[in-house]
Each structure stands twice: as structure tokens, then as C-alpha cells.
Amino acid sequence: MAANMATASTVIGLSSSSLSPKRTCLSSGFVKPVAVGNPLRQARASGGRFTCNFQRDWLRRDLNVIGFGLIGWLVPSSIPAIDGKSLTGLFFESIGAELAHFPSPPALTSQFWLWLITWHFGLFVTLTFGQIGFKGRTEDYF
């Protein structure tokens, strides 16, 4: 029985694969196609140089977006819509109230956290849409 099992043992998955090197073509949206004989020697496939189509300035930072986005958020958040007070005013008042007892941090039940999260969420949404709109306009997406 033991001799029978020893002669019939094969590793599942390797019985049908060939271990001879194949020519494969590696390609991606960022890397140009390179024919590679041995995947372990991929570094020497393109002469030791890295060929990449990825733009180095992928963020395409523009100070116009930051300036107009900040103004675009400060103006609507300064409209007195919450019991006759603005979101910016409430946020800055809560900063002043928390600085009055500076060494101790704000309590978890403080209104400061609500105004902080709401004001910054609105700012980041405005900056994100400003980046999309400004770059979409300059690159003729719409």
C-alpha cells in the first residue's frame, strides 16, 4: 500500500504545466509593452531603463483652484442661516471659546467638533469640485 502511494504521488497543479520558459509580453496603461523571457530578469528587459508614461505632475496643483475654492466656500458659509449666525461665525466663536481654557482640550460634547467637521467637509468638497471643474475646463473635458 505504501509503495503504491509513493509511485502515484504527483503535485497537483504541476502535472500539466510545462516549466520551460515562455515569451510573455507584459503591458499596462503606465508601462510600455516589454517582451520578457524570464520574469525574474525583468529589470534587464528594457536595457535597465524604466519606461513609464505616468505623468510626474499627476496632481496638477494650481493655486487658482485653492484661492477660488477658499473664497467659494467662505462666501456661502458666511451667510447667516443657522439661527441668524453663519457657519463660519459659529466655527470661529467655538474656537475662541475653546481657547479660553487652552491647556485642556475640547470636551467630546462640545459644539466645536460639529462646526469643525461641517466647515472642513464643506471646504474639502468645494476644493475637490473646484479642481475637477477647473482642470476639466482647461483640458477640454467639458
C-alpha atoms as a PDB file:
ATOM      1  CA  MET A   1       0.000   0.000   0.000  1.00  0.00           C
ATOM      2  CA  ALA A   2       2.792   2.428   0.911  1.00  0.00           C
ATOM      3  CA  ALA A   3       4.728   1.567  -2.248  1.00  0.00           C
ATOM      4  CA  ASN A   4       1.623   2.151  -4.348  1.00  0.00           C
ATOM      5  CA  MET A   5       1.128   5.637  -2.868  1.00  0.00           C
ATOM      6  CA  ALA A   6       4.779   6.541  -3.370  1.00  0.00           C
ATOM      7  CA  THR A   7       4.728   5.830  -7.104  1.00  0.00           C
ATOM      8  CA  ALA A   8       1.421   7.575  -7.809  1.00  0.00           C
ATOM      9  CA  SER A   9       2.082  10.812  -5.941  1.00  0.00           C
ATOM     10  CA  THR A  10       2.100  13.955  -8.055  1.00  0.00           C
ATOM     11  CA  VAL A  11       1.852  17.544  -7.024  1.00  0.00           C
ATOM     12  CA  ILE A  12      -1.496  18.925  -8.070  1.00  0.00           C
ATOM     13  CA  GLY A  13      -1.086  21.866 -10.405  1.00  0.00           C
ATOM     14  CA  LEU A  14       2.382  20.968 -11.682  1.00  0.00           C
ATOM     15  CA  SER A  15       1.435  17.796 -13.548  1.00  0.00           C
ATOM     16  CA  SER A  16       0.003  19.623 -16.565  1.00  0.00           C
ATOM     17  CA  SER A  17       2.159  22.750 -16.631  1.00  0.00           C
ATOM     18  CA  SER A  18       5.366  22.991 -18.542  1.00  0.00           C
ATOM     19  CA  LEU A  19       8.289  24.531 -16.769  1.00  0.00           C
ATOM     20  CA  SER A  20      10.006  25.641 -19.948  1.00  0.00           C
ATOM     21  CA  PRO A  21      10.434  29.442 -20.281  1.00  0.00           C
ATOM     22  CA  LYS A  22       7.731  31.143 -22.328  1.00  0.00           C
ATOM     23  CA  ARG A  23       7.880  34.509 -24.041  1.00  0.00           C
ATOM     24  CA  THR A  24       5.361  36.746 -22.347  1.00  0.00           C
ATOM     25  CA  CYS A  25       4.505  40.346 -23.086  1.00  0.00           C
ATOM     26  CA  LEU A  26       3.941  42.472 -20.026  1.00  0.00           C
ATOM     27  CA  SER A  27       1.851  45.568 -20.649  1.00  0.00           C
ATOM     28  CA  SER A  28      -0.067  48.124 -18.691  1.00  0.00           C
ATOM     29  CA  GLY A  29      -1.550  51.561 -19.147  1.00  0.00           C
ATOM     30  CA  PHE A  30       1.507  53.057 -17.478  1.00  0.00           C
ATOM     31  CA  VAL A  31       4.337  50.863 -18.767  1.00  0.00           C
ATOM     32  CA  LYS A  32       5.164  50.229 -22.417  1.00  0.00           C
ATOM     33  CA  PRO A  33       4.966  46.582 -23.550  1.00  0.00           C
ATOM     34  CA  VAL A  34       8.222  44.732 -22.978  1.00  0.00           C
ATOM     35  CA  ALA A  35       8.870  41.145 -24.100  1.00  0.00           C
ATOM     36  CA  VAL A  36      10.440  39.200 -21.276  1.00  0.00           C
ATOM     37  CA  GLY A  37      11.876  35.698 -21.473  1.00  0.00           C
ATOM     38  CA  ASN A  38      12.330  35.098 -17.783  1.00  0.00           C
ATOM     39  CA  PRO A  39      10.105  37.080 -15.393  1.00  0.00           C
ATOM     40  CA  LEU A  40      12.922  37.087 -12.845  1.00  0.00           C
ATOM     41  CA  ARG A  41      15.109  39.068 -15.252  1.00  0.00           C
ATOM     42  CA  GLN A  42      12.579  41.787 -15.950  1.00  0.00           C
ATOM     43  CA  ALA A  43      14.952  44.556 -14.816  1.00  0.00           C
ATOM     44  CA  ARG A  44      17.236  43.981 -17.812  1.00  0.00           C
ATOM     45  CA  ALA A  45      14.401  43.684 -20.338  1.00  0.00           C
ATOM     46  CA  SER A  46      14.414  47.321 -21.415  1.00  0.00           C
ATOM     47  CA  GLY A  47      18.137  47.934 -21.145  1.00  0.00           C
ATOM     48  CA  GLY A  48      17.990  48.726 -17.432  1.00  0.00           C
ATOM     49  CA  ARG A  49      15.849  51.839 -18.002  1.00  0.00           C
ATOM     50  CA  PHE A  50      12.383  52.279 -16.596  1.00  0.00           C
ATOM     51  CA  THR A  51       9.950  53.307 -19.311  1.00  0.00           C
ATOM     52  CA  CYS A  52       6.835  54.885 -17.876  1.00  0.00           C
ATOM     53  CA  ASN A  53       4.051  57.005 -19.372  1.00  0.00           C
ATOM     54  CA  PHE A  54       2.786  58.211 -15.977  1.00  0.00           C
ATOM     55  CA  GLN A  55       2.731  61.987 -15.636  1.00  0.00           C
ATOM     56  CA  ARG A  56       5.033  63.229 -12.903  1.00  0.00           C
ATOM     57  CA  ASP A  57       2.757  66.161 -12.064  1.00  0.00           C
ATOM     58  CA  TRP A  58      -0.316  63.949 -11.587  1.00  0.00           C
ATOM     59  CA  LEU A  59      -1.906  66.313  -9.048  1.00  0.00           C
ATOM     60  CA  ARG A  60      -1.504  69.274 -11.409  1.00  0.00           C
ATOM     61  CA  ARG A  61      -1.580  71.678  -8.491  1.00  0.00           C
ATOM     62  CA  ASP A  62      -2.849  75.131  -9.279  1.00  0.00           C
ATOM     63  CA  LEU A  63      -3.081  78.000  -6.805  1.00  0.00           C
ATOM     64  CA  ASN A  64      -6.092  79.426  -8.639  1.00  0.00           C
ATOM     65  CA  VAL A  65      -8.148  76.436  -7.527  1.00  0.00           C
ATOM     66  CA  ILE A  66      -7.081  76.878  -3.896  1.00  0.00           C
ATOM     67  CA  GLY A  67      -7.792  80.624  -3.936  1.00  0.00           C
ATOM     68  CA  PHE A  68     -11.128  80.449  -5.736  1.00  0.00           C
ATOM     69  CA  GLY A  69     -12.135  77.352  -3.747  1.00  0.00           C
ATOM     70  CA  LEU A  70     -11.463  79.073  -0.431  1.00  0.00           C
ATOM     71  CA  ILE A  71     -13.394  82.154  -1.498  1.00  0.00           C
ATOM     72  CA  GLY A  72     -16.100  79.915  -2.958  1.00  0.00           C
ATOM     73  CA  TRP A  73     -16.535  78.258   0.426  1.00  0.00           C
ATOM     74  CA  LEU A  74     -16.122  81.324   2.668  1.00  0.00           C
ATOM     75  CA  VAL A  75     -18.857  83.287   0.908  1.00  0.00           C
ATOM     76  CA  PRO A  76     -21.713  80.752   1.280  1.00  0.00           C
ATOM     77  CA  SER A  77     -20.573  79.588   4.724  1.00  0.00           C
ATOM     78  CA  SER A  78     -20.678  83.202   5.922  1.00  0.00           C
ATOM     79  CA  ILE A  79     -24.388  83.611   5.174  1.00  0.00           C
ATOM     80  CA  PRO A  80     -26.309  83.836   8.484  1.00  0.00           C
ATOM     81  CA  ALA A  81     -28.543  80.772   8.053  1.00  0.00           C
ATOM     82  CA  ILE A  82     -28.287  78.998  11.451  1.00  0.00           C
ATOM     83  CA  ASP A  83     -30.399  80.980  13.958  1.00  0.00           C
ATOM     84  CA  GLY A  84     -29.121  84.233  12.473  1.00  0.00           C
ATOM     85  CA  LYS A  85     -25.486  83.136  12.606  1.00  0.00           C
ATOM     86  CA  SER A  86     -23.187  81.838   9.887  1.00  0.00           C
ATOM     87  CA  LEU A  87     -21.334  78.531   9.902  1.00  0.00           C
ATOM     88  CA  THR A  88     -18.004  80.363   9.721  1.00  0.00           C
ATOM     89  CA  GLY A  89     -19.026  82.621  12.603  1.00  0.00           C
ATOM     90  CA  LEU A  90     -20.128  79.690  14.751  1.00  0.00           C
ATOM     91  CA  PHE A  91     -16.898  77.834  13.987  1.00  0.00           C
ATOM     92  CA  PHE A  92     -14.711  80.820  14.877  1.00  0.00           C
ATOM     93  CA  GLU A  93     -16.755  81.513  18.056  1.00  0.00           C
ATOM     94  CA  SER A  94     -16.274  77.922  19.158  1.00  0.00           C
ATOM     95  CA  ILE A  95     -12.522  78.228  18.529  1.00  0.00           C
ATOM     96  CA  GLY A  96     -12.451  81.291  20.792  1.00  0.00           C
ATOM     97  CA  ALA A  97     -14.482  79.544  23.486  1.00  0.00           C
ATOM     98  CA  GLU A  98     -12.142  76.551  23.442  1.00  0.00           C
ATOM     99  CA  LEU A  99      -9.030  78.742  23.524  1.00  0.00           C
ATOM    100  CA  ALA A 100     -10.357  80.388  26.694  1.00  0.00           C
ATOM    101  CA  HIS A 101      -9.425  77.199  28.612  1.00  0.00           C
ATOM    102  CA  PHE A 102      -6.425  76.383  26.406  1.00  0.00           C
ATOM    103  CA  PRO A 103      -4.390  73.752  28.222  1.00  0.00           C
ATOM    104  CA  SER A 104      -7.388  71.451  28.463  1.00  0.00           C
ATOM    105  CA  PRO A 105      -8.754  70.021  25.197  1.00  0.00           C
ATOM    106  CA  PRO A 106     -12.329  70.487  23.990  1.00  0.00           C
ATOM    107  CA  ALA A 107     -14.877  68.128  25.507  1.00  0.00           C
ATOM    108  CA  LEU A 108     -16.376  65.466  23.251  1.00  0.00           C
ATOM    109  CA  THR A 109     -19.805  67.041  23.753  1.00  0.00           C
ATOM    110  CA  SER A 110     -18.580  70.489  22.679  1.00  0.00           C
ATOM    111  CA  GLN A 111     -20.206  72.153  19.657  1.00  0.00           C
ATOM    112  CA  PHE A 112     -16.685  72.853  18.414  1.00  0.00           C
ATOM    113  CA  TRP A 113     -16.413  69.360  16.876  1.00  0.00           C
ATOM    114  CA  LEU A 114     -19.664  69.727  14.943  1.00  0.00           C
ATOM    115  CA  TRP A 115     -18.654  73.093  13.473  1.00  0.00           C
ATOM    116  CA  LEU A 116     -15.091  71.898  12.790  1.00  0.00           C
ATOM    117  CA  ILE A 117     -16.187  68.800  10.859  1.00  0.00           C
ATOM    118  CA  THR A 118     -19.001  70.569   8.994  1.00  0.00           C
ATOM    119  CA  TRP A 119     -16.883  73.570   7.983  1.00  0.00           C
ATOM    120  CA  HIS A 120     -13.926  71.493   6.797  1.00  0.00           C
ATOM    121  CA  PHE A 121     -16.103  68.950   4.995  1.00  0.00           C
ATOM    122  CA  GLY A 122     -17.686  71.791   3.032  1.00  0.00           C
ATOM    123  CA  LEU A 123     -14.264  73.274   2.295  1.00  0.00           C
ATOM    124  CA  PHE A 124     -12.842  69.981   1.005  1.00  0.00           C
ATOM    125  CA  VAL A 125     -15.915  69.285  -1.144  1.00  0.00           C
ATOM    126  CA  THR A 126     -15.651  72.776  -2.631  1.00  0.00           C
ATOM    127  CA  LEU A 127     -11.926  72.341  -3.327  1.00  0.00           C
ATOM    128  CA  THR A 128     -12.489  68.905  -4.887  1.00  0.00           C
ATOM    129  CA  PHE A 129     -15.226  70.118  -7.214  1.00  0.00           C
ATOM    130  CA  GLY A 130     -13.161  73.223  -7.963  1.00  0.00           C
ATOM    131  CA  GLN A 131     -10.190  71.060  -9.003  1.00  0.00           C
ATOM    132  CA  ILE A 132     -12.431  68.876 -11.173  1.00  0.00           C
ATOM    133  CA  GLY A 133     -14.141  71.849 -12.780  1.00  0.00           C
ATOM    134  CA  PHE A 134     -11.062  73.992 -13.313  1.00  0.00           C
ATOM    135  CA  LYS A 135      -8.906  71.197 -14.746  1.00  0.00           C
ATOM    136  CA  GLY A 136     -11.810  69.791 -16.736  1.00  0.00           C
ATOM    137  CA  ARG A 137     -12.307  73.195 -18.348  1.00  0.00           C
ATOM    138  CA  THR A 138      -8.608  73.737 -19.116  1.00  0.00           C
ATOM    139  CA  GLU A 139      -8.239  70.237 -20.619  1.00  0.00           C
ATOM    140  CA  ASP A 140     -11.460  70.479 -22.676  1.00  0.00           C
ATOM    141  CA  TYR A 141     -13.390  67.701 -20.932  1.00  0.00           C
ATOM    142  CA  PHE A 142     -16.473  69.894 -20.961  1.00  0.00           C
END
